[in-house]
Amino acid sequence: MATAKVAISIDEQLLREVDRWVEEGEFPSRSRAVQMALSVLKERRADRAFLEELTKLDPAEERALADEFLTGETAWPEY
């Protein structure tokens, strides 16, 4: 994946924490620490969107579909 350089402003205390992580070997560089943090944020946002979609499901309808499938009224798909 291609990368691009960006300049960011960061709270000094947070920067010291990031530097400590780098010094302790948790990350090879500040850049990698920021990349990882943004990746985690992206995953959390995707998870939240997925959970929001799940809340739209009707439990009764989902149970009926599951019961229909489990009682054998629906054939197993061909593979």
Protein backbone atom coordinates (compact mmCIF):
# COMPACT_ATOMS: atom_id res chain seq x y z
CA MET A 1 0.00 0.00 0.00
CA ALA A 2 1.29 3.43 -0.88
CA THR A 3 1.95 5.84 1.94
CA ALA A 4 1.91 9.61 2.13
CA LYS A 5 3.58 11.99 4.54
CA VAL A 6 1.35 14.24 6.60
CA ALA A 7 2.02 16.73 9.33
CA ILE A 8 -0.14 16.58 12.45
CA SER A 9 -0.38 18.51 15.67
CA ILE A 10 -0.47 16.40 18.79
CA ASP A 11 -0.74 17.14 22.48
CA GLU A 12 2.73 17.16 24.07
CA GLN A 13 1.75 14.71 26.79
CA LEU A 14 0.37 12.28 24.22
CA LEU A 15 3.51 12.66 22.13
CA ARG A 16 5.63 11.77 25.16
CA GLU A 17 3.48 8.67 25.62
CA VAL A 18 3.96 7.70 21.97
CA ASP A 19 7.70 8.26 22.30
CA ARG A 20 7.72 6.02 25.37
CA TRP A 21 5.97 3.28 23.39
CA VAL A 22 8.60 3.60 20.67
CA GLU A 23 11.42 3.60 23.21
CA GLU A 24 9.96 0.47 24.87
CA GLY A 25 9.76 -1.25 21.49
CA GLU A 26 5.98 -1.41 21.21
CA PHE A 27 6.23 0.40 17.87
CA PRO A 28 9.20 0.87 15.56
CA SER A 29 8.42 4.57 15.06
CA ARG A 30 6.03 7.39 15.82
CA SER A 31 4.57 6.98 12.36
CA ARG A 32 3.79 3.32 12.92
CA ALA A 33 2.14 4.11 16.27
CA VAL A 34 -0.12 6.71 14.65
CA GLN A 35 -0.89 4.36 11.75
CA MET A 36 -1.90 1.62 14.17
CA ALA A 37 -4.07 3.99 16.20
CA LEU A 38 -5.89 5.12 13.07
CA SER A 39 -6.34 1.51 11.94
CA VAL A 40 -7.90 0.61 15.30
CA LEU A 41 -10.21 3.63 15.07
CA LYS A 42 -11.24 2.60 11.56
CA GLU A 43 -12.02 -0.96 12.74
CA ARG A 44 -14.05 0.32 15.68
CA ARG A 45 -16.09 2.55 13.40
CA ALA A 46 -16.79 -0.39 11.09
CA ASP A 47 -17.76 -2.55 14.08
CA ARG A 48 -20.11 0.17 15.31
CA ALA A 49 -21.73 0.44 11.87
CA PHE A 50 -22.20 -3.34 11.83
CA LEU A 51 -23.77 -3.31 15.29
CA GLU A 52 -26.09 -0.49 14.25
CA GLU A 53 -27.25 -2.62 11.31
CA LEU A 54 -27.84 -5.57 13.64
CA THR A 55 -30.14 -3.46 15.80
CA LYS A 56 -32.38 -3.00 12.75
CA LEU A 57 -33.14 -6.73 12.60
CA ASP A 58 -36.48 -7.97 13.86
CA PRO A 59 -35.75 -10.71 16.44
CA ALA A 60 -39.08 -12.46 15.79
CA GLU A 61 -38.48 -12.56 12.04
CA GLU A 62 -34.91 -13.82 12.52
CA ARG A 63 -36.12 -16.55 14.91
CA ALA A 64 -38.81 -17.60 12.42
CA LEU A 65 -36.23 -17.86 9.66
CA ALA A 66 -33.90 -19.87 11.89
CA ASP A 67 -36.73 -22.18 12.99
CA GLU A 68 -37.79 -22.70 9.39
CA PHE A 69 -34.27 -23.64 8.41
CA LEU A 70 -33.73 -25.91 11.43
CA THR A 71 -36.98 -27.82 10.94
CA GLY A 72 -35.85 -28.87 7.50
CA GLU A 73 -38.41 -26.92 5.52
CA THR A 74 -35.56 -25.35 3.65
CA ALA A 75 -33.16 -27.62 1.80
CA TRP A 76 -29.44 -27.34 2.32
CA PRO A 77 -27.77 -25.40 -0.46
CA GLU A 78 -25.90 -27.33 -3.15
CA TYR A 79 -22.12 -27.09 -2.98
